[in-house]
Protein backbone atom coordinates (compact mmCIF):
# COMPACT_ATOMS: atom_id res chain seq x y z
CA MET A 1 -37.06 -6.94 29.56
CA LEU A 2 -34.78 -7.32 26.52
CA SER A 3 -33.19 -3.88 26.66
CA VAL A 4 -32.77 -3.99 30.44
CA GLY A 5 -31.22 -7.47 30.26
CA VAL A 6 -28.77 -6.44 27.55
CA TRP A 7 -27.81 -3.29 29.46
CA GLU A 8 -27.21 -5.32 32.62
CA ALA A 9 -24.96 -7.68 30.65
CA VAL A 10 -22.89 -4.73 29.40
CA SER A 11 -22.73 -3.22 32.89
CA ASP A 12 -21.80 -6.56 34.44
CA THR A 13 -19.00 -7.06 31.91
CA LEU A 14 -17.61 -3.58 32.57
CA ALA A 15 -17.83 -4.07 36.33
CA ASN A 16 -16.37 -7.60 36.38
CA PRO A 17 -14.15 -8.00 33.31
CA GLY A 18 -11.93 -10.59 34.99
CA ARG A 19 -14.78 -13.03 35.49
CA LYS A 20 -15.61 -12.94 31.77
CA LEU A 21 -12.05 -12.65 30.52
CA PRO A 22 -11.71 -16.21 29.11
CA GLU A 23 -14.98 -15.95 27.20
CA LEU A 24 -14.29 -12.44 25.91
CA GLY A 25 -10.68 -13.33 25.10
CA LEU A 26 -11.81 -16.23 22.94
CA SER A 27 -14.27 -13.97 21.10
CA ALA A 28 -11.59 -11.34 20.50
CA ALA A 29 -9.07 -13.95 19.31
CA THR A 30 -11.57 -15.54 16.93
CA GLY A 31 -12.48 -12.13 15.53
CA SER A 32 -8.82 -11.19 15.12
CA VAL A 33 -8.08 -14.34 13.12
CA LEU A 34 -11.08 -13.75 10.86
CA GLY A 35 -10.04 -10.11 10.38
CA ALA A 36 -6.52 -11.13 9.41
CA VAL A 37 -7.78 -13.78 6.99
CA GLU A 38 -10.14 -11.27 5.38
CA ARG A 39 -7.38 -8.65 5.02
CA LEU A 40 -5.07 -11.19 3.39
CA GLY A 41 -7.61 -11.67 0.63
CA ALA A 42 -9.72 -14.68 1.61
CA PRO A 43 -12.96 -14.80 -0.43
CA GLY A 44 -15.92 -13.10 1.23
CA LYS A 45 -17.87 -16.36 1.30
CA ILE A 46 -15.15 -18.04 3.35
CA VAL A 47 -14.99 -15.14 5.81
CA ALA A 48 -18.80 -15.10 6.12
CA ALA A 49 -18.79 -18.86 6.69
CA GLY A 50 -16.17 -18.41 9.40
CA ILE A 51 -18.23 -15.74 11.15
CA GLY A 52 -21.38 -17.86 10.92
CA SER A 53 -19.60 -20.94 12.22
CA ALA A 54 -18.16 -19.01 15.18
CA MET A 55 -21.59 -17.69 16.11
CA LEU A 56 -23.21 -21.13 15.82
CA LEU A 57 -20.48 -22.66 17.98
CA LYS A 58 -21.06 -19.94 20.55
CA LEU A 59 -24.81 -20.59 20.55
CA GLY A 60 -24.29 -24.34 20.85
CA TYR A 61 -21.71 -24.00 23.62
CA ASP A 62 -23.98 -21.71 25.64
CA GLU A 63 -26.90 -24.12 25.31
CA ILE A 64 -24.91 -27.24 26.17
CA THR A 65 -23.12 -25.75 29.18
CA GLY A 66 -25.93 -23.72 30.69
CA GLU A 67 -29.10 -24.25 28.67
CA ARG A 68 -29.07 -20.51 28.12
CA TRP A 69 -31.30 -20.40 25.09
CA SER A 70 -33.92 -22.81 26.42
CA LYS A 71 -34.13 -20.74 29.59
CA PHE A 72 -34.23 -17.51 27.58
CA GLY A 73 -37.10 -18.82 25.44
CA ALA A 74 -39.05 -19.81 28.54
CA ALA A 75 -38.40 -16.43 30.16
CA LEU A 76 -39.51 -14.56 27.05
CA LYS A 77 -42.70 -16.63 26.85
CA ASP A 78 -43.37 -16.15 30.57
CA THR A 79 -42.98 -12.36 30.36
CA TRP A 80 -45.10 -12.16 27.21
CA LYS A 81 -47.99 -14.06 28.80
CA SER A 82 -48.10 -12.75 32.35
CA GLY A 83 -45.53 -10.05 32.94
CA GLN A 84 -44.61 -11.79 36.19
CA ASN A 85 -41.19 -12.92 37.43
CA MET A 86 -39.70 -9.89 35.72
CA ASP A 87 -36.51 -9.77 37.81
CA ARG A 88 -35.78 -13.43 37.19
CA ASN A 89 -36.45 -13.10 33.47
CA ILE A 90 -34.24 -10.01 33.18
CA ALA A 91 -31.43 -11.96 34.82
CA ILE A 92 -31.90 -14.80 32.35
CA THR A 93 -31.87 -12.31 29.46
CA ARG A 94 -28.68 -10.79 30.81
CA ASP A 95 -26.98 -14.18 30.98
CA SER A 96 -28.13 -15.33 27.54
CA LEU A 97 -28.98 -12.68 24.94
CA GLY A 98 -27.00 -9.93 26.66
CA SER A 99 -23.93 -12.09 27.06
CA PHE A 100 -24.15 -13.26 23.45
CA LEU A 101 -24.40 -9.69 22.13
CA VAL A 102 -21.48 -8.54 24.27
CA ASP A 103 -19.36 -11.43 23.01
CA THR A 104 -20.40 -10.69 19.43
CA GLY A 105 -19.42 -7.04 19.86
CA ILE A 106 -16.03 -8.02 21.25
CA GLY A 107 -15.57 -10.43 18.36
CA TYR A 108 -16.40 -7.68 15.85
CA ALA A 109 -13.94 -5.32 17.54
CA GLY A 110 -11.32 -8.08 17.42
CA MET A 111 -12.02 -8.58 13.72
CA ARG A 112 -11.50 -4.89 12.98
CA ALA A 113 -8.33 -4.83 15.07
CA GLY A 114 -7.00 -7.99 13.40
CA SER A 115 -7.67 -6.52 9.97
CA ALA A 116 -5.98 -3.21 10.83
CA LEU A 117 -2.96 -4.90 12.42
CA THR A 118 -2.52 -7.21 9.44
CA ALA A 119 -2.68 -4.22 7.08
CA ARG A 120 0.23 -2.65 8.98
CA MET A 121 2.35 -5.69 9.77
CA ALA A 122 1.86 -8.36 7.09
CA PRO A 123 4.32 -8.55 4.17
CA ARG A 124 3.30 -5.87 1.69
CA GLY A 125 3.09 -8.17 -1.30
CA LYS A 126 0.59 -10.41 0.49
CA LEU A 127 -1.83 -7.49 0.81
CA VAL A 128 -1.84 -6.23 -2.78
CA ASP A 129 -4.59 -8.44 -4.21
CA SER A 130 -6.83 -7.81 -1.19
CA ALA A 131 -6.34 -4.03 -1.39
CA ILE A 132 -7.20 -4.07 -5.09
CA ALA A 133 -10.30 -6.19 -4.45
CA ARG A 134 -11.46 -3.79 -1.71
CA SER A 135 -11.19 -0.71 -3.95
CA GLY A 136 -14.78 -1.06 -5.11
CA ARG A 137 -15.94 -0.80 -1.48
CA ASP A 138 -13.48 1.65 0.04
CA GLY A 139 -12.71 3.89 -2.95
CA GLY A 140 -9.05 2.86 -2.97
CA THR A 141 -8.30 3.67 0.69
CA ALA A 142 -6.59 0.32 1.32
CA MET A 143 -4.55 0.73 -1.86
CA ARG A 144 -3.35 4.19 -0.82
CA LYS A 145 -2.33 2.97 2.63
CA LEU A 146 -0.41 0.11 1.07
CA GLN A 147 1.28 2.50 -1.36
CA GLU A 148 2.34 4.60 1.62
CA ARG A 149 3.93 1.51 3.17
CA TYR A 150 5.83 0.76 -0.02
CA GLU A 151 6.90 4.39 -0.54
CA ASN A 152 7.64 5.43 3.04
CA PRO A 153 10.49 7.99 2.72
CA LEU A 154 12.14 6.84 5.96
CA LEU A 155 12.23 3.22 4.83
CA MET A 156 13.66 4.19 1.46
CA LYS A 157 16.34 6.28 3.16
CA LYS A 158 17.18 3.28 5.31
CA GLN A 159 17.61 1.17 2.16
CA ALA A 160 19.89 3.80 0.64
CA GLY A 161 21.99 4.13 3.78
CA GLU A 162 24.93 6.54 3.75
CA ASP A 163 25.94 5.78 0.17
CA ILE A 164 23.68 8.47 -1.33
CA ASN A 165 21.82 11.54 -0.16
CA LEU A 166 18.22 10.67 -1.04
CA ILE A 167 15.05 12.72 -1.46
CA THR A 168 11.79 11.11 -2.61
CA HIS A 169 8.28 12.44 -3.12
CA THR A 170 5.02 11.06 -4.47
CA GLU A 171 1.79 13.01 -4.75
CA PRO A 172 -1.53 11.68 -6.11
CA ALA A 173 -3.60 13.85 -8.43
CA SER A 174 -6.35 13.97 -5.78
CA PRO A 175 -5.08 14.35 -2.19
CA GLY A 176 -5.54 11.22 -0.12
CA ARG A 177 -6.44 9.04 -3.10
CA ALA A 178 -4.48 6.16 -4.59
CA SER A 179 -1.84 7.11 -7.15
CA GLY A 180 -0.95 5.78 -10.58
CA ASP A 181 2.71 6.67 -9.96
CA LEU A 182 5.13 4.53 -8.00
CA ILE A 183 8.63 4.98 -6.68
CA ARG A 184 10.93 2.34 -5.25
CA VAL A 185 14.33 2.39 -3.57
CA GLN A 186 15.81 -0.94 -2.55
CA ARG A 187 19.23 -2.40 -1.95
CA THR A 188 20.14 -5.60 -3.78
CA SER A 189 21.87 -8.61 -2.26
CA ASP A 190 25.24 -7.48 -3.65
CA GLY A 191 24.97 -3.99 -2.15
CA ASP A 192 23.84 -2.07 -5.23
CA ILE A 193 20.95 0.38 -4.96
CA VAL A 194 17.94 0.15 -7.28
CA LEU A 195 15.99 3.39 -7.70
CA ALA A 196 12.87 3.22 -9.86
CA ALA A 197 10.11 5.65 -10.74
CA MET A 198 7.17 4.61 -12.90
CA ASP A 199 3.97 6.23 -14.12
CA VAL A 200 0.91 4.27 -15.24
CA GLU A 201 -1.06 5.75 -18.11
CA GLY A 202 -3.78 8.07 -16.78
CA HIS A 203 -4.62 8.32 -13.10
CA GLY A 204 -7.33 7.23 -10.68
CA ILE A 205 -8.33 3.79 -9.42
CA ALA A 206 -7.49 1.85 -12.59
CA ALA A 207 -3.98 3.31 -12.81
CA ALA A 208 -3.44 2.83 -9.06
CA LYS A 209 -4.35 -0.85 -9.31
CA LYS A 210 -1.65 -1.39 -11.91
CA ALA A 211 0.91 0.66 -9.99
CA LEU A 212 0.34 -1.44 -6.89
CA LYS A 213 0.55 -4.63 -8.93
CA VAL A 214 3.93 -3.50 -10.25
CA HIS A 215 5.13 -3.01 -6.68
CA GLN A 216 4.15 -6.63 -6.04
CA ILE A 217 6.02 -7.74 -9.17
CA MET A 218 9.13 -5.87 -8.07
CA ASP A 219 8.98 -7.74 -4.75
CA ASP A 220 9.68 -10.86 -6.83
CA VAL A 221 12.07 -9.34 -9.37
CA LEU A 222 14.49 -7.37 -7.21
CA PRO A 223 15.73 -10.33 -5.12
CA VAL A 224 16.86 -12.05 -8.35
CA SER A 225 18.38 -8.95 -9.97
CA ARG A 226 21.98 -9.68 -8.96
CA ASN A 227 24.44 -9.05 -11.81
CA ARG A 228 21.67 -7.73 -14.07
CA SER A 229 21.66 -4.35 -15.78
CA ALA A 230 19.08 -1.65 -15.14
CA SER A 231 17.51 -2.43 -18.51
CA ASP A 232 17.40 -6.15 -17.73
CA ILE A 233 15.53 -5.42 -14.49
CA LEU A 234 12.96 -3.36 -16.39
CA ALA A 235 12.57 -6.22 -18.86
CA LEU A 236 11.95 -8.70 -16.03
CA VAL A 237 9.26 -6.39 -14.65
CA ASP A 238 7.68 -5.94 -18.08
CA ASP A 239 7.50 -9.70 -18.68
CA ARG A 240 5.40 -10.11 -15.52
CA ILE A 241 2.98 -7.19 -15.89
CA PRO A 242 -0.61 -8.29 -16.67
CA GLN A 243 -1.75 -6.89 -20.02
CA ALA A 244 -5.50 -7.35 -19.61
CA ASP A 245 -6.23 -3.67 -18.99
CA GLU A 246 -3.88 -2.44 -21.76
CA LEU A 247 -2.58 0.39 -19.55
CA SER A 248 1.06 1.12 -20.34
CA LEU A 249 3.75 2.49 -18.03
CA THR A 250 6.61 4.90 -18.48
CA ALA A 251 9.57 4.01 -16.30
CA GLY A 252 12.98 5.13 -15.16
CA MET A 253 15.32 2.58 -13.59
CA MET A 254 18.60 3.59 -11.95
CA LEU A 255 21.13 1.05 -10.69
CA PHE A 256 23.88 2.63 -8.60
CA LYS A 257 27.00 0.75 -7.49
CA PRO A 258 28.37 2.55 -4.41
CA LYS A 259 31.69 0.68 -4.47
CA THR A 260 32.65 1.97 -7.91
CA GLY A 261 30.43 5.03 -8.38
CA GLU A 262 28.96 3.48 -11.53
CA LEU A 263 25.39 4.40 -12.46
CA GLN A 264 23.29 2.50 -14.98
CA ALA A 265 20.19 4.21 -16.35
CA ALA A 266 17.35 2.73 -18.39
CA THR A 267 14.15 4.52 -19.37
CA ALA A 268 10.92 3.40 -20.96
CA SER A 269 8.92 5.89 -23.02
CA SER A 270 8.67 9.45 -21.67
CA GLN A 271 9.91 8.92 -18.10
CA LEU A 272 12.65 11.51 -17.75
CA ALA A 273 15.93 11.06 -15.92
CA TYR A 274 18.80 13.55 -15.73
CA VAL A 275 22.24 13.82 -14.23
CA ILE A 276 23.35 17.21 -12.95
CA ARG A 277 27.11 17.23 -12.67
CA LYS A 278 28.79 19.06 -9.80
CA THR A 279 29.85 21.63 -12.41
CA GLY A 280 26.18 22.37 -13.23
CA GLU A 281 26.16 20.57 -16.59
CA VAL A 282 22.81 18.78 -17.19
CA SER A 283 22.39 15.70 -19.38
CA ARG A 284 19.37 13.53 -20.04
CA LEU A 285 20.00 9.86 -19.27
CA ASP A 286 19.32 7.07 -21.76
CA ALA A 287 18.19 9.71 -24.24
CA GLU A 288 19.52 8.12 -27.45
CA VAL A 289 17.78 4.74 -27.28
CA GLY A 290 15.39 4.43 -24.34
CA GLY A 291 12.69 1.87 -24.83
CA LEU A 292 9.00 1.31 -25.43
CA PRO A 293 6.53 1.64 -22.54
CA LEU A 294 6.13 -1.25 -20.14
CA GLY A 295 2.92 -3.22 -19.86
CA ASN A 296 2.54 -4.44 -23.42
CA GLY A 297 5.27 -7.09 -23.46
CA LEU A 298 7.35 -5.28 -26.09
CA TYR A 299 10.04 -3.58 -24.01
CA SER A 300 12.25 -6.63 -23.60
CA GLY A 301 12.00 -7.81 -27.20
CA LEU A 302 12.83 -4.55 -29.01
CA PRO A 303 15.87 -2.25 -28.86
CA ARG A 304 16.31 -0.70 -25.42
CA GLY A 305 18.97 1.49 -23.93
CA ASN A 306 21.16 1.05 -20.87
CA GLU A 307 23.43 4.03 -20.36
CA THR A 308 26.40 3.62 -18.03
CA LEU A 309 28.31 6.51 -16.49
CA GLY A 310 30.42 7.32 -13.47
CA LEU A 311 29.31 9.59 -10.65
CA VAL A 312 31.67 11.66 -8.54
CA SER A 313 31.02 13.44 -5.26
CA GLY A 314 28.47 16.22 -5.78
CA ASP A 315 26.83 14.75 -8.89
CA THR A 316 23.04 14.65 -8.61
CA VAL A 317 20.51 12.44 -10.41
CA ILE A 318 16.77 13.02 -10.75
CA VAL A 319 14.09 10.78 -12.26
CA ALA A 320 10.56 12.19 -12.46
CA SER A 321 7.12 11.45 -13.89
CA ASP A 322 5.35 13.72 -16.37
CA GLY A 323 3.24 15.11 -13.52
CA VAL A 324 6.46 16.82 -12.39
CA PHE A 325 7.88 18.23 -15.61
CA ASP A 326 4.41 19.31 -16.81
CA ARG A 327 4.50 21.89 -14.01
CA PHE A 328 7.17 23.70 -15.98
CA GLY A 329 5.37 23.53 -19.33
CA TYR A 330 2.84 20.94 -20.38
CA GLY A 331 4.48 18.34 -22.61
CA VAL A 332 7.67 20.42 -22.97
CA ALA A 333 10.55 18.59 -21.32
CA SER A 334 13.06 21.27 -22.36
CA LYS A 335 11.58 23.71 -19.83
CA PHE A 336 12.12 21.21 -17.05
CA GLN A 337 15.73 20.82 -18.15
CA LYS A 338 16.16 24.60 -18.02
CA PHE A 339 14.84 24.52 -14.46
CA LEU A 340 17.47 21.92 -13.58
CA GLU A 341 20.20 24.01 -15.20
CA GLY A 342 19.07 27.05 -13.23
CA VAL A 343 19.08 25.30 -9.86
CA GLY A 344 22.12 23.08 -10.28
CA PRO A 345 23.18 20.03 -8.23
CA HIS A 346 21.37 21.00 -5.04
CA PRO A 347 18.83 18.30 -4.00
CA GLU A 348 16.90 20.34 -1.44
CA ARG A 349 16.56 23.33 -3.78
CA LEU A 350 15.45 21.02 -6.60
CA ARG A 351 12.79 19.49 -4.35
CA ASP A 352 11.52 22.87 -3.19
CA GLY A 353 11.44 24.24 -6.72
CA ILE A 354 9.35 21.31 -7.94
CA LEU A 355 6.93 21.40 -5.02
CA ASN A 356 6.45 25.16 -5.30
CA ALA A 357 5.81 25.08 -9.05
CA PRO A 358 2.14 25.55 -10.02
CA SER A 359 0.06 22.60 -11.17
CA PRO A 360 -0.36 22.44 -14.96
CA VAL A 361 -3.28 24.41 -16.37
CA ASN A 362 -4.83 21.28 -17.88
CA GLY A 363 -5.32 19.79 -14.41
CA ALA A 364 -3.32 18.00 -11.76
CA ASP A 365 -1.71 14.64 -12.47
CA ASP A 366 -0.01 12.13 -10.20
CA ALA A 367 3.50 13.43 -9.58
CA SER A 368 6.56 11.63 -8.24
CA PHE A 369 10.31 12.02 -8.26
CA ILE A 370 13.53 10.62 -6.86
CA ILE A 371 16.55 12.85 -6.32
CA PHE A 372 19.86 11.48 -5.10
CA GLN A 373 23.38 12.80 -4.82
CA LYS A 374 26.69 11.03 -4.42
CA PRO A 375 28.22 12.37 -1.19
């Protein structure tokens, strides 16, 4: 009786969706709201309480409006005792248990859809804490998807506009997993372009958590970066980075002013940045001073560099993590510079040369780079 009644409820819903549309629509809407709330980081207990409350309200509504559950109990008892009135009891099962299960299924589908839609459409910074919290359950899948939203090449090109020719690339150590590297291209309120590449110590879930947290911090820092130097922006980021996990970051921050052609460069620790002049001359940026790694609160308080130079048409700038230059010789930055000198100021050829270089013999690392050229 139970299985037949449930099947009839499913069949009836498929055959007559319009008749059940209000009820199913409410279930889908409730599920969507709960899915969105869960994706935005609401505690699991609150989400579970919401699901339980929705189901209890559904049970109560069904009983008050049609005495469904009293009738279902009587039908179940009748069938158990005598096996008679089977057709009537199947119909009651269809209208009570079957209907409830169909509504619950629609609500669950709505919850999944609401969660997925929120993950794609909600402001990125609002999703960071939730993605980090989910990493223990999904292996970092939500974090990787959020990183892909932050580091979408098309969106970064849109931010850069026509003022620079931009190429970006980020590649986790393990394909499809979250990365401990991050890249960011964003236009400021006064029309300058911020280009940042950072590398969290190590790789894997722990490094990816910190990288994503830094993206969230930059959401807050970049809107207030007007009239600040590249080094000042790095200091603002460093002041906000949580230090509980003691993971440090190397960083390269470029601030390009399209109106004047001025470029400011600030680096922290071993993040490498170079300018390749249109003549082929290669120079390392912020090489004399630099700064300590981010993440320990020391960058802003100790000597830090902020090199300023002018770019002319054809000049090319590259900032890359150690996962890139290690492909040309582990821990030997000079070999990467020789590669740049050999290729010259040609962004596409630089990109292809990096991507075609073999992974370092000591194992793959997260790798990311930003290449841009003044047109």
